[in-house]
Amino acid sequence: MKDKIEKYRLLTEQIQALTEGETDRVAVMANVCAAIHETMGFFWTGFYRVKNKTASDEKELVLGPFQGPVACMHIGYGRGVCGTAWQQAKTIVVPDVELFPGHIACSSLSRSEIVVPVFSKESEIVAVLDIDSKELATFDDIDRHYLEGICGLLP
């Protein structure tokens, strides 16, 4: 547990240095994603960005910068873990994705997941950080605390 906290503490410092003064949200997401993925060794780490659907004013989550195998490209509001975290405007920790109603299986290798909303300065959700693990019950309140802090650093 202390090792995990120390990893996150150092990771947060690294991300603060990487993001300081940067204003391009996608570029920052790319480096944040890579830093988390490399440091923590998760199966899949990435962002889904809130975007307008092309044919309507309706919004959806669209795949953004990520590390890991190919992923779903579009997720609807309230669908799966990502869409639910967006809808509820809160972090969701899922110890076993098989038990989450409506889970979207981009990979059958994913076993547990955490999704953290990314808020703009105007307190609107602009993206979610989605992290998957091949192991059950990987994520806990330590992950929630540090990942919410990291998402708070995004422009």
N, C-alpha and C. Protein backbone atom coordinates (compact mmCIF):
# COMPACT_ATOMS: atom_id res chain seq x y z
N MET A 1 0.82 -1.19 0.00
CA MET A 1 0.00 0.00 0.00
C MET A 1 0.87 1.26 0.00
N LYS A 2 1.93 1.28 0.81
CA LYS A 2 2.82 2.43 0.83
C LYS A 2 3.51 2.62 -0.52
N ASP A 3 3.87 1.49 -1.16
CA ASP A 3 4.49 1.58 -2.50
C ASP A 3 3.53 2.22 -3.50
N LYS A 4 2.26 1.85 -3.43
CA LYS A 4 1.26 2.40 -4.34
C LYS A 4 1.10 3.90 -4.10
N ILE A 5 1.03 4.31 -2.86
CA ILE A 5 0.90 5.73 -2.53
C ILE A 5 2.13 6.50 -3.01
N GLU A 6 3.30 5.94 -2.80
CA GLU A 6 4.53 6.61 -3.23
C GLU A 6 4.58 6.73 -4.76
N LYS A 7 4.16 5.67 -5.47
CA LYS A 7 4.10 5.73 -6.94
C LYS A 7 3.18 6.86 -7.39
N TYR A 8 2.00 6.93 -6.78
CA TYR A 8 1.05 7.98 -7.14
C TYR A 8 1.57 9.37 -6.78
N ARG A 9 2.24 9.48 -5.65
CA ARG A 9 2.78 10.78 -5.24
C ARG A 9 3.79 11.28 -6.27
N LEU A 10 4.71 10.40 -6.67
CA LEU A 10 5.71 10.76 -7.66
C LEU A 10 5.09 10.99 -9.04
N LEU A 11 4.11 10.18 -9.39
CA LEU A 11 3.40 10.34 -10.65
C LEU A 11 2.70 11.70 -10.71
N THR A 12 2.07 12.09 -9.61
CA THR A 12 1.38 13.38 -9.56
C THR A 12 2.38 14.52 -9.74
N GLU A 13 3.54 14.43 -9.11
CA GLU A 13 4.57 15.45 -9.29
C GLU A 13 5.03 15.52 -10.74
N GLN A 14 5.23 14.36 -11.35
CA GLN A 14 5.64 14.31 -12.76
C GLN A 14 4.59 14.95 -13.66
N ILE A 15 3.34 14.63 -13.42
CA ILE A 15 2.26 15.17 -14.24
C ILE A 15 2.11 16.68 -14.03
N GLN A 16 2.30 17.14 -12.80
CA GLN A 16 2.26 18.59 -12.56
C GLN A 16 3.33 19.29 -13.40
N ALA A 17 4.52 18.71 -13.44
CA ALA A 17 5.61 19.30 -14.23
C ALA A 17 5.30 19.24 -15.72
N LEU A 18 4.73 18.12 -16.18
CA LEU A 18 4.39 17.96 -17.60
C LEU A 18 3.30 18.92 -18.06
N THR A 19 2.35 19.21 -17.18
CA THR A 19 1.17 19.97 -17.59
C THR A 19 1.29 21.47 -17.31
N GLU A 20 2.25 21.86 -16.52
CA GLU A 20 2.37 23.27 -16.13
C GLU A 20 2.49 24.17 -17.36
N GLY A 21 1.55 25.11 -17.46
CA GLY A 21 1.57 26.07 -18.55
C GLY A 21 1.02 25.56 -19.87
N GLU A 22 0.68 24.29 -19.95
CA GLU A 22 0.13 23.71 -21.19
C GLU A 22 -1.36 24.00 -21.28
N THR A 23 -1.82 24.38 -22.45
CA THR A 23 -3.23 24.72 -22.63
C THR A 23 -3.97 23.78 -23.58
N ASP A 24 -3.25 22.96 -24.33
CA ASP A 24 -3.91 22.05 -25.26
C ASP A 24 -4.35 20.79 -24.50
N ARG A 25 -5.65 20.67 -24.32
CA ARG A 25 -6.18 19.58 -23.50
C ARG A 25 -5.83 18.20 -24.06
N VAL A 26 -5.90 18.02 -25.37
CA VAL A 26 -5.62 16.70 -25.97
C VAL A 26 -4.15 16.33 -25.80
N ALA A 27 -3.25 17.28 -26.00
CA ALA A 27 -1.83 17.01 -25.81
C ALA A 27 -1.54 16.65 -24.36
N VAL A 28 -2.16 17.36 -23.43
CA VAL A 28 -1.97 17.05 -22.01
C VAL A 28 -2.53 15.67 -21.70
N MET A 29 -3.71 15.35 -22.23
CA MET A 29 -4.29 14.02 -22.01
C MET A 29 -3.36 12.93 -22.50
N ALA A 30 -2.73 13.15 -23.65
CA ALA A 30 -1.83 12.15 -24.21
C ALA A 30 -0.67 11.86 -23.26
N ASN A 31 -0.05 12.91 -22.73
CA ASN A 31 1.07 12.70 -21.81
C ASN A 31 0.64 12.17 -20.46
N VAL A 32 -0.50 12.63 -19.97
CA VAL A 32 -1.02 12.13 -18.68
C VAL A 32 -1.32 10.64 -18.80
N CYS A 33 -1.96 10.27 -19.88
CA CYS A 33 -2.30 8.87 -20.13
C CYS A 33 -1.03 8.01 -20.18
N ALA A 34 -0.04 8.46 -20.93
CA ALA A 34 1.21 7.71 -21.05
C ALA A 34 1.92 7.60 -19.70
N ALA A 35 1.93 8.67 -18.93
CA ALA A 35 2.60 8.66 -17.63
C ALA A 35 1.92 7.69 -16.66
N ILE A 36 0.60 7.72 -16.61
CA ILE A 36 -0.14 6.81 -15.73
C ILE A 36 0.10 5.37 -16.16
N HIS A 37 -0.05 5.11 -17.45
CA HIS A 37 0.07 3.76 -17.97
C HIS A 37 1.47 3.18 -17.71
N GLU A 38 2.49 3.97 -17.98
CA GLU A 38 3.87 3.52 -17.80
C GLU A 38 4.20 3.30 -16.33
N THR A 39 3.78 4.22 -15.48
CA THR A 39 4.11 4.14 -14.05
C THR A 39 3.36 3.02 -13.34
N MET A 40 2.06 2.91 -13.63
CA MET A 40 1.22 1.99 -12.86
C MET A 40 1.07 0.62 -13.53
N GLY A 41 1.37 0.51 -14.82
CA GLY A 41 1.32 -0.79 -15.49
C GLY A 41 -0.07 -1.34 -15.69
N PHE A 42 -1.06 -0.46 -15.87
CA PHE A 42 -2.42 -0.93 -16.08
C PHE A 42 -2.58 -1.54 -17.47
N PHE A 43 -3.66 -2.30 -17.67
CA PHE A 43 -3.94 -2.96 -18.96
C PHE A 43 -4.33 -1.94 -20.03
N TRP A 44 -5.21 -1.00 -19.67
CA TRP A 44 -5.67 0.02 -20.61
C TRP A 44 -5.87 1.32 -19.85
N THR A 45 -5.35 2.40 -20.39
CA THR A 45 -5.45 3.72 -19.77
C THR A 45 -5.79 4.72 -20.86
N GLY A 46 -6.88 5.44 -20.71
CA GLY A 46 -7.21 6.40 -21.75
C GLY A 46 -8.32 7.35 -21.38
N PHE A 47 -8.52 8.29 -22.27
CA PHE A 47 -9.55 9.30 -22.10
C PHE A 47 -10.63 9.13 -23.18
N TYR A 48 -11.85 9.39 -22.78
CA TYR A 48 -12.96 9.57 -23.70
C TYR A 48 -13.41 11.01 -23.54
N ARG A 49 -13.52 11.72 -24.67
CA ARG A 49 -13.87 13.14 -24.64
C ARG A 49 -15.34 13.34 -24.98
N VAL A 50 -15.98 14.29 -24.31
CA VAL A 50 -17.37 14.63 -24.59
C VAL A 50 -17.41 15.43 -25.89
N LYS A 51 -18.15 14.93 -26.86
CA LYS A 51 -18.24 15.58 -28.18
C LYS A 51 -19.69 15.55 -28.65
N ASN A 52 -20.05 16.48 -29.54
CA ASN A 52 -21.36 16.45 -30.18
C ASN A 52 -21.37 15.37 -31.24
N LYS A 53 -22.48 14.64 -31.31
CA LYS A 53 -22.67 13.72 -32.43
C LYS A 53 -22.80 14.57 -33.69
N THR A 54 -22.36 14.05 -34.80
CA THR A 54 -22.35 14.84 -36.03
C THR A 54 -23.74 15.20 -36.54
N ALA A 55 -24.72 14.34 -36.37
CA ALA A 55 -26.04 14.58 -36.95
C ALA A 55 -27.04 15.23 -35.99
N SER A 56 -26.62 15.52 -34.76
CA SER A 56 -27.57 16.09 -33.79
C SER A 56 -26.82 16.89 -32.73
N ASP A 57 -27.59 17.52 -31.87
CA ASP A 57 -26.98 18.25 -30.75
C ASP A 57 -26.66 17.32 -29.58
N GLU A 58 -27.05 16.07 -29.70
CA GLU A 58 -26.80 15.08 -28.66
C GLU A 58 -25.29 14.89 -28.49
N LYS A 59 -24.87 14.65 -27.26
CA LYS A 59 -23.44 14.45 -27.00
C LYS A 59 -23.15 12.98 -26.75
N GLU A 60 -21.89 12.61 -26.94
CA GLU A 60 -21.42 11.25 -26.68
C GLU A 60 -19.96 11.33 -26.24
N LEU A 61 -19.46 10.23 -25.71
CA LEU A 61 -18.04 10.13 -25.41
C LEU A 61 -17.34 9.55 -26.64
N VAL A 62 -16.26 10.20 -27.04
CA VAL A 62 -15.48 9.76 -28.20
C VAL A 62 -14.06 9.46 -27.73
N LEU A 63 -13.53 8.36 -28.21
CA LEU A 63 -12.19 7.93 -27.83
C LEU A 63 -11.17 9.04 -28.02
N GLY A 64 -10.34 9.25 -27.01
CA GLY A 64 -9.27 10.23 -27.06
C GLY A 64 -7.93 9.52 -26.90
N PRO A 65 -6.92 10.24 -26.41
CA PRO A 65 -5.60 9.63 -26.23
C PRO A 65 -5.68 8.42 -25.28
N PHE A 66 -4.97 7.36 -25.64
CA PHE A 66 -4.97 6.16 -24.78
C PHE A 66 -3.70 5.35 -24.98
N GLN A 67 -3.49 4.42 -24.06
CA GLN A 67 -2.40 3.45 -24.13
C GLN A 67 -3.02 2.07 -23.90
N GLY A 68 -2.68 1.12 -24.75
CA GLY A 68 -3.21 -0.23 -24.62
C GLY A 68 -3.82 -0.70 -25.92
N PRO A 69 -4.54 -1.84 -25.88
CA PRO A 69 -5.13 -2.38 -27.10
C PRO A 69 -6.26 -1.50 -27.62
N VAL A 70 -6.69 -1.75 -28.86
CA VAL A 70 -7.77 -0.97 -29.47
C VAL A 70 -8.99 -0.95 -28.56
N ALA A 71 -9.79 0.12 -28.73
CA ALA A 71 -10.91 0.33 -27.81
C ALA A 71 -12.16 0.77 -28.55
N CYS A 72 -13.27 0.77 -27.84
CA CYS A 72 -14.53 1.30 -28.37
C CYS A 72 -14.31 2.77 -28.70
N MET A 73 -14.92 3.23 -29.78
CA MET A 73 -14.71 4.62 -30.19
C MET A 73 -15.81 5.57 -29.76
N HIS A 74 -17.03 5.07 -29.55
CA HIS A 74 -18.15 5.92 -29.16
C HIS A 74 -18.91 5.28 -28.00
N ILE A 75 -19.24 6.08 -26.99
CA ILE A 75 -20.00 5.60 -25.85
C ILE A 75 -21.10 6.62 -25.54
N GLY A 76 -22.32 6.15 -25.43
CA GLY A 76 -23.45 7.03 -25.17
C GLY A 76 -23.55 7.44 -23.70
N TYR A 77 -24.26 8.53 -23.49
CA TYR A 77 -24.52 9.06 -22.16
C TYR A 77 -25.26 8.00 -21.33
N GLY A 78 -24.71 7.67 -20.17
CA GLY A 78 -25.34 6.69 -19.29
C GLY A 78 -25.08 5.24 -19.67
N ARG A 79 -24.27 4.99 -20.70
CA ARG A 79 -24.00 3.62 -21.14
C ARG A 79 -22.66 3.15 -20.59
N GLY A 80 -22.61 1.92 -20.10
CA GLY A 80 -21.38 1.35 -19.58
C GLY A 80 -20.85 2.13 -18.39
N VAL A 81 -19.66 1.79 -17.97
CA VAL A 81 -19.06 2.46 -16.81
C VAL A 81 -18.72 3.91 -17.15
N CYS A 82 -18.16 4.14 -18.33
CA CYS A 82 -17.78 5.50 -18.73
C CYS A 82 -18.98 6.42 -18.83
N GLY A 83 -20.01 5.98 -19.54
CA GLY A 83 -21.21 6.79 -19.69
C GLY A 83 -21.93 7.02 -18.38
N THR A 84 -21.86 6.06 -17.48
CA THR A 84 -22.49 6.19 -16.17
C THR A 84 -21.73 7.19 -15.30
N ALA A 85 -20.41 7.14 -15.33
CA ALA A 85 -19.60 8.11 -14.57
C ALA A 85 -19.87 9.52 -15.09
N TRP A 86 -20.03 9.66 -16.40
CA TRP A 86 -20.35 10.95 -17.01
C TRP A 86 -21.73 11.41 -16.53
N GLN A 87 -22.71 10.51 -16.59
CA GLN A 87 -24.08 10.84 -16.19
C GLN A 87 -24.17 11.21 -14.71
N GLN A 88 -23.47 10.47 -13.86
CA GLN A 88 -23.55 10.70 -12.42
C GLN A 88 -22.55 11.75 -11.93
N ALA A 89 -21.65 12.17 -12.82
CA ALA A 89 -20.63 13.18 -12.48
C ALA A 89 -19.82 12.78 -11.25
N LYS A 90 -19.45 11.49 -11.22
CA LYS A 90 -18.63 11.02 -10.11
C LYS A 90 -17.79 9.82 -10.54
N THR A 91 -16.72 9.60 -9.79
CA THR A 91 -15.84 8.46 -10.05
C THR A 91 -16.57 7.16 -9.74
N ILE A 92 -16.38 6.19 -10.60
CA ILE A 92 -16.96 4.86 -10.38
C ILE A 92 -15.83 3.84 -10.37
N VAL A 93 -15.80 3.05 -9.31
CA VAL A 93 -14.85 1.94 -9.17
C VAL A 93 -15.63 0.65 -9.31
N VAL A 94 -15.19 -0.20 -10.24
CA VAL A 94 -15.87 -1.47 -10.50
C VAL A 94 -14.91 -2.62 -10.23
N PRO A 95 -15.10 -3.35 -9.13
CA PRO A 95 -14.20 -4.46 -8.79
C PRO A 95 -14.28 -5.63 -9.77
N ASP A 96 -15.46 -5.85 -10.36
CA ASP A 96 -15.66 -6.95 -11.31
C ASP A 96 -16.60 -6.44 -12.41
N VAL A 97 -16.04 -6.18 -13.60
CA VAL A 97 -16.84 -5.61 -14.69
C VAL A 97 -17.99 -6.52 -15.12
N GLU A 98 -17.85 -7.81 -14.89
CA GLU A 98 -18.92 -8.76 -15.26
C GLU A 98 -20.19 -8.49 -14.46
N LEU A 99 -20.06 -7.86 -13.29
CA LEU A 99 -21.21 -7.61 -12.43
C LEU A 99 -21.80 -6.21 -12.61
N PHE A 100 -21.20 -5.40 -13.50
CA PHE A 100 -21.71 -4.04 -13.72
C PHE A 100 -22.79 -4.09 -14.80
N PRO A 101 -24.03 -3.69 -14.46
CA PRO A 101 -25.12 -3.73 -15.45
C PRO A 101 -24.79 -2.86 -16.67
N GLY A 102 -24.87 -3.44 -17.85
CA GLY A 102 -24.64 -2.70 -19.08
C GLY A 102 -23.18 -2.46 -19.41
N HIS A 103 -22.27 -3.17 -18.76
CA HIS A 103 -20.84 -3.00 -19.03
C HIS A 103 -20.57 -3.20 -20.52
N ILE A 104 -19.76 -2.30 -21.08
CA ILE A 104 -19.37 -2.41 -22.49
C ILE A 104 -18.00 -3.08 -22.53
N ALA A 105 -17.93 -4.26 -23.09
CA ALA A 105 -16.69 -5.02 -23.10
C ALA A 105 -15.89 -4.72 -24.36
N CYS A 106 -15.00 -3.73 -24.27
CA CYS A 106 -14.10 -3.45 -25.40
C CYS A 106 -13.07 -4.57 -25.52
N SER A 107 -12.71 -5.16 -24.37
CA SER A 107 -11.80 -6.30 -24.35
C SER A 107 -12.27 -7.29 -23.31
N SER A 108 -12.29 -8.56 -23.68
CA SER A 108 -12.69 -9.60 -22.73
C SER A 108 -11.64 -9.80 -21.64
N LEU A 109 -10.46 -9.20 -21.82
CA LEU A 109 -9.40 -9.34 -20.81
C LEU A 109 -9.58 -8.37 -19.63
N SER A 110 -10.39 -7.35 -19.79
CA SER A 110 -10.64 -6.40 -18.70
C SER A 110 -11.46 -7.07 -17.61
N ARG A 111 -11.00 -6.93 -16.37
CA ARG A 111 -11.71 -7.55 -15.24
C ARG A 111 -12.20 -6.53 -14.22
N SER A 112 -11.46 -5.43 -14.04
CA SER A 112 -11.91 -4.36 -13.14
C SER A 112 -11.60 -3.02 -13.79
N GLU A 113 -12.26 -1.96 -13.27
CA GLU A 113 -12.20 -0.68 -13.97
C GLU A 113 -12.43 0.47 -13.00
N ILE A 114 -11.82 1.61 -13.32
CA ILE A 114 -12.12 2.87 -12.64
C ILE A 114 -12.31 3.93 -13.71
N VAL A 115 -13.33 4.77 -13.53
CA VAL A 115 -13.60 5.86 -14.46
C VAL A 115 -13.75 7.15 -13.65
N VAL A 116 -12.96 8.16 -14.03
CA VAL A 116 -12.92 9.43 -13.31
C VAL A 116 -13.34 10.56 -14.25
N PRO A 117 -14.38 11.32 -13.89
CA PRO A 117 -14.76 12.47 -14.72
C PRO A 117 -13.68 13.55 -14.70
N VAL A 118 -13.55 14.24 -15.83
CA VAL A 118 -12.64 15.39 -15.96
C VAL A 118 -13.53 16.62 -16.13
N PHE A 119 -13.39 17.56 -15.21
CA PHE A 119 -14.22 18.76 -15.21
C PHE A 119 -13.47 19.95 -15.79
N SER A 120 -14.19 20.81 -16.52
CA SER A 120 -13.63 22.07 -16.99
C SER A 120 -13.62 23.06 -15.84
N LYS A 121 -13.02 24.21 -16.06
CA LYS A 121 -13.03 25.26 -15.05
C LYS A 121 -14.44 25.75 -14.77
N GLU A 122 -15.36 25.51 -15.72
CA GLU A 122 -16.77 25.89 -15.56
C GLU A 122 -17.58 24.76 -14.92
N SER A 123 -16.89 23.73 -14.42
CA SER A 123 -17.51 22.58 -13.75
C SER A 123 -18.37 21.70 -14.66
N GLU A 124 -18.08 21.73 -15.96
CA GLU A 124 -18.74 20.82 -16.89
C GLU A 124 -17.82 19.65 -17.17
N ILE A 125 -18.39 18.46 -17.34
CA ILE A 125 -17.57 17.30 -17.67
C ILE A 125 -17.17 17.39 -19.14
N VAL A 126 -15.86 17.36 -19.38
CA VAL A 126 -15.33 17.46 -20.75
C VAL A 126 -14.75 16.13 -21.22
N ALA A 127 -14.52 15.21 -20.28
CA ALA A 127 -13.93 13.92 -20.62
C ALA A 127 -14.06 13.00 -19.41
N VAL A 128 -13.71 11.75 -19.62
CA VAL A 128 -13.53 10.82 -18.50
C VAL A 128 -12.21 10.08 -18.71
N LEU A 129 -11.55 9.81 -17.61
CA LEU A 129 -10.36 8.96 -17.61
C LEU A 129 -10.83 7.55 -17.30
N ASP A 130 -10.51 6.62 -18.17
CA ASP A 130 -10.95 5.23 -18.04
C ASP A 130 -9.70 4.36 -17.90
N ILE A 131 -9.65 3.55 -16.85
CA ILE A 131 -8.51 2.65 -16.65
C ILE A 131 -9.04 1.24 -16.37
N ASP A 132 -8.50 0.28 -17.09
CA ASP A 132 -8.89 -1.12 -16.95
C ASP A 132 -7.71 -1.95 -16.46
N SER A 133 -8.05 -3.00 -15.72
CA SER A 133 -7.05 -3.95 -15.24
C SER A 133 -7.46 -5.36 -15.64
N LYS A 134 -6.47 -6.22 -15.83
CA LYS A 134 -6.74 -7.63 -16.12
C LYS A 134 -7.08 -8.40 -14.84
N GLU A 135 -6.88 -7.77 -13.69
CA GLU A 135 -7.13 -8.42 -12.39
C GLU A 135 -8.42 -7.91 -11.78
N LEU A 136 -9.08 -8.74 -11.00
CA LEU A 136 -10.26 -8.32 -10.26
C LEU A 136 -9.85 -7.38 -9.12
N ALA A 137 -10.75 -6.45 -8.78
CA ALA A 137 -10.62 -5.58 -7.61
C ALA A 137 -9.27 -4.86 -7.53
N THR A 138 -8.79 -4.36 -8.66
CA THR A 138 -7.51 -3.65 -8.69
C THR A 138 -7.60 -2.28 -8.04
N PHE A 139 -8.73 -1.60 -8.19
CA PHE A 139 -8.83 -0.19 -7.82
C PHE A 139 -9.52 0.01 -6.48
N ASP A 140 -9.06 1.02 -5.76
CA ASP A 140 -9.59 1.31 -4.43
C ASP A 140 -9.63 2.82 -4.20
N ASP A 141 -9.82 3.23 -2.96
CA ASP A 141 -9.90 4.66 -2.63
C ASP A 141 -8.58 5.39 -2.85
N ILE A 142 -7.47 4.69 -2.79
CA ILE A 142 -6.16 5.31 -3.08
C ILE A 142 -6.13 5.72 -4.55
N ASP A 143 -6.52 4.80 -5.43
CA ASP A 143 -6.57 5.11 -6.86
C ASP A 143 -7.54 6.26 -7.11
N ARG A 144 -8.71 6.18 -6.51
CA ARG A 144 -9.72 7.23 -6.68
C ARG A 144 -9.15 8.59 -6.28
N HIS A 145 -8.55 8.66 -5.11
CA HIS A 145 -8.02 9.92 -4.59
C HIS A 145 -6.97 10.53 -5.53
N TYR A 146 -5.99 9.74 -5.90
CA TYR A 146 -4.89 10.27 -6.72
C TYR A 146 -5.33 10.53 -8.17
N LEU A 147 -6.15 9.67 -8.73
CA LEU A 147 -6.59 9.88 -10.11
C LEU A 147 -7.52 11.08 -10.22
N GLU A 148 -8.36 11.31 -9.22
CA GLU A 148 -9.18 12.52 -9.22
C GLU A 148 -8.29 13.76 -9.14
N GLY A 149 -7.24 13.70 -8.33
CA GLY A 149 -6.30 14.82 -8.24
C GLY A 149 -5.59 15.05 -9.56
N ILE A 150 -5.16 13.99 -10.21
CA ILE A 150 -4.49 14.10 -11.51
C ILE A 150 -5.44 14.70 -12.55
N CYS A 151 -6.69 14.23 -12.58
CA CYS A 151 -7.66 14.78 -13.54
C CYS A 151 -7.92 16.26 -13.27
N GLY A 152 -7.79 16.68 -12.04
CA GLY A 152 -7.95 18.08 -11.69
C GLY A 152 -6.84 18.97 -12.22
N LEU A 153 -5.75 18.38 -12.67
CA LEU A 153 -4.62 19.15 -13.24
C LEU A 153 -4.81 19.46 -14.71
N LEU A 154 -5.77 18.81 -15.37
CA LEU A 154 -5.96 19.01 -16.80
C LEU A 154 -6.53 20.40 -17.09
N PRO A 155 -6.11 21.00 -18.19
CA PRO A 155 -6.63 22.34 -18.54
C PRO A 155 -8.10 22.28 -18.96
